[in-house]
Every structure is written in C-alpha cells, then in structure tokens.
Amino acid sequence: MSFDPQLRLQPDSSRLTWPAFLEDVVARHGERTVMRFAGRDISARAIQADARRLAKALAASGVSKGMRVAVHMANRPEFAVASFAIAMLGAVMVPVNTFATEVEREYILRHGDAALLLFQRTLLKHDFLAQLLLMFSGTGRG
C-alpha cells in the first residue's frame, strides 16, 4: 500500500458539529425513517423540527452557550431530540444514565453544574420524579 499525499482524511470542517450533522442528514434523507420507537416511524426532518422547538424553549428558559443541561432519559427519541437541541444552543449536555444508582445519579446532578434537568418521569418500576424530589428536598441522602 502506497501513501497518497492528496488523500484528505479530515472531513469538511463545516460538518464537525452535532447540529450540522443533523442538517446534513435532513438534507440527504429528510423524510426517510431514521428512528423507530413504540411502533412509530420518525423521520430526520421530524427529529430536526422537534429539536428546533426544544432549543427555542430552552433558550426561552435561559439556556445559553456554555451552560450545562442534564438529560436523564432512556434511549428514546426525546433523548436524541434533547441532544440536538442542547447542541444547537452551544450548551453542553450532561447525560445521566437511567441505570445509575441513586447515589451515582445524585453525584452527577450535584457536581455536573447543570442549570436545567430534562428527564423522563418513569421508567419500568422507577419514578424518577419522586426520587428527584426526595433527593433535592433535603430528606434524601444529600
């Protein structure tokens, strides 16, 4: 194998952001199904539209470039939408694993410097809202 000095290994630098990746996918495959969840087909364009709506809501809530937003959700469309929306604002996503123990979750939330938490209320037998209220009420481990 010989070395080709004309070979460009780096992708186009304008496509090196998460929101730019989504724009590229929408431009190429807009109405094609990119995700299936709970019997529903979701297009790239639908993910982008939802991400833009969420980005506007986050901005209206005061989220701006450099701020951290915690996301505590399972692998679902809303997680993807949140990741794109947060990146569209230049904010930083702090993922919180739904399999984390209460101690691990509390550590991440207390030390992740997140200004906002997006979460799914329940997953299987877990009521995350009740757990979070207990944690931050001062009656939990904290």
Protein backbone atom coordinates (compact mmCIF):
# COMPACT_ATOMS: atom_id res chain seq x y z
CA MET A 1 0.00 0.00 0.00
CA SER A 2 1.47 3.32 -1.00
CA PHE A 3 0.93 6.72 0.56
CA ASP A 4 -1.20 9.16 -1.43
CA PRO A 5 -0.22 12.76 -0.50
CA GLN A 6 -3.53 14.03 -1.96
CA LEU A 7 -5.60 11.89 0.40
CA ARG A 8 -7.68 14.01 2.75
CA LEU A 9 -8.54 12.15 5.91
CA GLN A 10 -10.31 15.02 7.66
CA PRO A 11 -13.97 15.64 6.85
CA ASP A 12 -15.23 19.04 5.81
CA SER A 13 -14.79 21.20 8.95
CA SER A 14 -18.24 22.78 8.44
CA ARG A 15 -19.78 19.41 9.29
CA LEU A 16 -17.99 18.85 12.60
CA THR A 17 -20.83 19.83 14.92
CA TRP A 18 -23.74 17.73 16.11
CA PRO A 19 -26.38 20.17 14.75
CA ALA A 20 -24.54 20.33 11.39
CA PHE A 21 -24.62 16.52 11.26
CA LEU A 22 -28.40 16.63 11.71
CA GLU A 23 -28.73 19.27 8.98
CA ASP A 24 -26.68 17.06 6.67
CA VAL A 25 -28.85 14.02 7.40
CA VAL A 26 -32.03 16.05 6.83
CA ALA A 27 -30.67 17.42 3.53
CA ARG A 28 -29.86 13.91 2.35
CA HIS A 29 -32.69 11.89 3.87
CA GLY A 30 -35.31 14.34 5.15
CA GLU A 31 -38.46 12.23 5.09
CA ARG A 32 -36.80 8.84 5.45
CA THR A 33 -37.28 6.98 8.69
CA VAL A 34 -34.22 7.35 10.89
CA MET A 35 -35.73 6.01 14.08
CA ARG A 36 -38.49 3.61 15.07
CA PHE A 37 -39.89 3.78 18.57
CA ALA A 38 -43.03 2.31 20.11
CA GLY A 39 -44.42 1.34 16.70
CA ARG A 40 -43.85 4.79 15.24
CA ASP A 41 -41.57 5.74 12.35
CA ILE A 42 -39.73 9.04 12.86
CA SER A 43 -38.09 10.97 10.02
CA ALA A 44 -34.92 13.00 10.15
CA ARG A 45 -36.97 16.12 9.43
CA ALA A 46 -39.27 15.38 12.40
CA ILE A 47 -36.28 14.98 14.73
CA GLN A 48 -34.91 18.30 13.47
CA ALA A 49 -38.26 20.08 13.89
CA ASP A 50 -38.65 18.77 17.43
CA ALA A 51 -35.05 19.72 18.25
CA ARG A 52 -35.59 23.26 16.97
CA ARG A 53 -38.77 23.61 19.07
CA LEU A 54 -36.99 22.34 22.16
CA ALA A 55 -33.98 24.61 21.50
CA LYS A 56 -36.34 27.61 21.39
CA ALA A 57 -37.98 26.53 24.65
CA LEU A 58 -34.60 26.00 26.31
CA ALA A 59 -33.42 29.42 25.13
CA ALA A 60 -36.62 30.97 26.48
CA SER A 61 -35.82 29.26 29.80
CA GLY A 62 -32.45 30.97 29.88
CA VAL A 63 -30.20 28.23 28.49
CA SER A 64 -27.34 29.72 26.51
CA LYS A 65 -23.95 28.84 25.08
CA GLY A 66 -21.69 27.03 27.51
CA MET A 67 -24.42 26.23 30.03
CA ARG A 68 -24.89 22.63 31.11
CA VAL A 69 -28.19 20.80 30.72
CA ALA A 70 -28.59 17.41 32.39
CA VAL A 71 -30.57 14.80 30.48
CA HIS A 72 -31.92 11.81 32.39
CA MET A 73 -33.73 9.65 29.84
CA ALA A 74 -33.62 6.18 28.40
CA ASN A 75 -32.75 5.54 24.76
CA ARG A 76 -35.78 7.14 23.16
CA PRO A 77 -36.50 9.81 20.54
CA GLU A 78 -36.69 12.54 23.18
CA PHE A 79 -33.10 11.82 24.19
CA ALA A 80 -31.92 12.36 20.60
CA VAL A 81 -34.04 15.50 20.29
CA ALA A 82 -32.62 16.86 23.56
CA SER A 83 -29.04 16.19 22.48
CA PHE A 84 -29.53 18.07 19.21
CA ALA A 85 -31.46 20.95 20.84
CA ILE A 86 -28.82 21.48 23.52
CA ALA A 87 -26.05 21.46 20.91
CA MET A 88 -27.98 23.93 18.72
CA LEU A 89 -27.66 26.43 21.56
CA GLY A 90 -23.98 25.70 22.11
CA ALA A 91 -24.82 24.34 25.54
CA VAL A 92 -23.31 21.18 26.99
CA MET A 93 -25.30 18.02 27.64
CA VAL A 94 -24.66 16.21 30.92
CA PRO A 95 -26.06 12.71 30.35
CA VAL A 96 -27.39 10.89 33.40
CA ASN A 97 -27.71 7.15 32.91
CA THR A 98 -31.12 5.75 33.84
CA PHE A 99 -29.31 2.67 35.19
CA ALA A 100 -27.25 4.78 37.60
CA THR A 101 -27.83 4.09 41.25
CA GLU A 102 -29.44 6.82 43.34
CA VAL A 103 -26.01 7.66 44.80
CA GLU A 104 -24.43 7.89 41.32
CA ARG A 105 -27.31 9.98 39.96
CA GLU A 106 -27.15 12.34 42.93
CA TYR A 107 -23.38 12.75 42.49
CA ILE A 108 -23.75 13.59 38.79
CA LEU A 109 -26.57 16.06 39.40
CA ARG A 110 -24.86 17.77 42.33
CA HIS A 111 -21.46 18.01 40.61
CA GLY A 112 -22.42 18.35 36.93
CA ASP A 113 -23.07 22.09 37.23
CA ALA A 114 -26.30 21.72 35.24
CA ALA A 115 -28.60 24.71 35.09
CA LEU A 116 -31.55 22.59 33.97
CA LEU A 117 -32.62 18.95 34.06
CA LEU A 118 -34.64 17.26 31.33
CA PHE A 119 -35.89 13.85 32.42
CA GLN A 120 -38.47 11.20 31.81
CA ARG A 121 -40.73 10.78 34.79
CA THR A 122 -40.90 6.99 34.91
CA LEU A 123 -39.07 4.01 33.51
CA LEU A 124 -40.11 0.48 34.37
CA LYS A 125 -40.55 0.46 38.17
CA HIS A 126 -38.70 3.75 38.73
CA ASP A 127 -40.48 7.01 39.48
CA PHE A 128 -37.64 9.43 38.81
CA LEU A 129 -39.70 12.49 39.72
CA ALA A 130 -40.37 11.13 43.20
CA GLN A 131 -36.71 10.18 43.62
CA LEU A 132 -35.50 13.60 42.45
CA LEU A 133 -37.95 15.44 44.73
CA LEU A 134 -36.75 13.36 47.66
CA MET A 135 -33.10 13.97 46.74
CA PHE A 136 -33.44 17.75 46.47
CA SER A 137 -35.86 18.21 49.35
CA GLY A 138 -33.06 17.60 51.81
CA THR A 139 -34.67 14.44 53.18
CA GLY A 140 -32.74 12.21 50.79
CA ARG A 141 -29.07 11.30 51.01
CA GLY A 142 -27.79 14.83 50.08
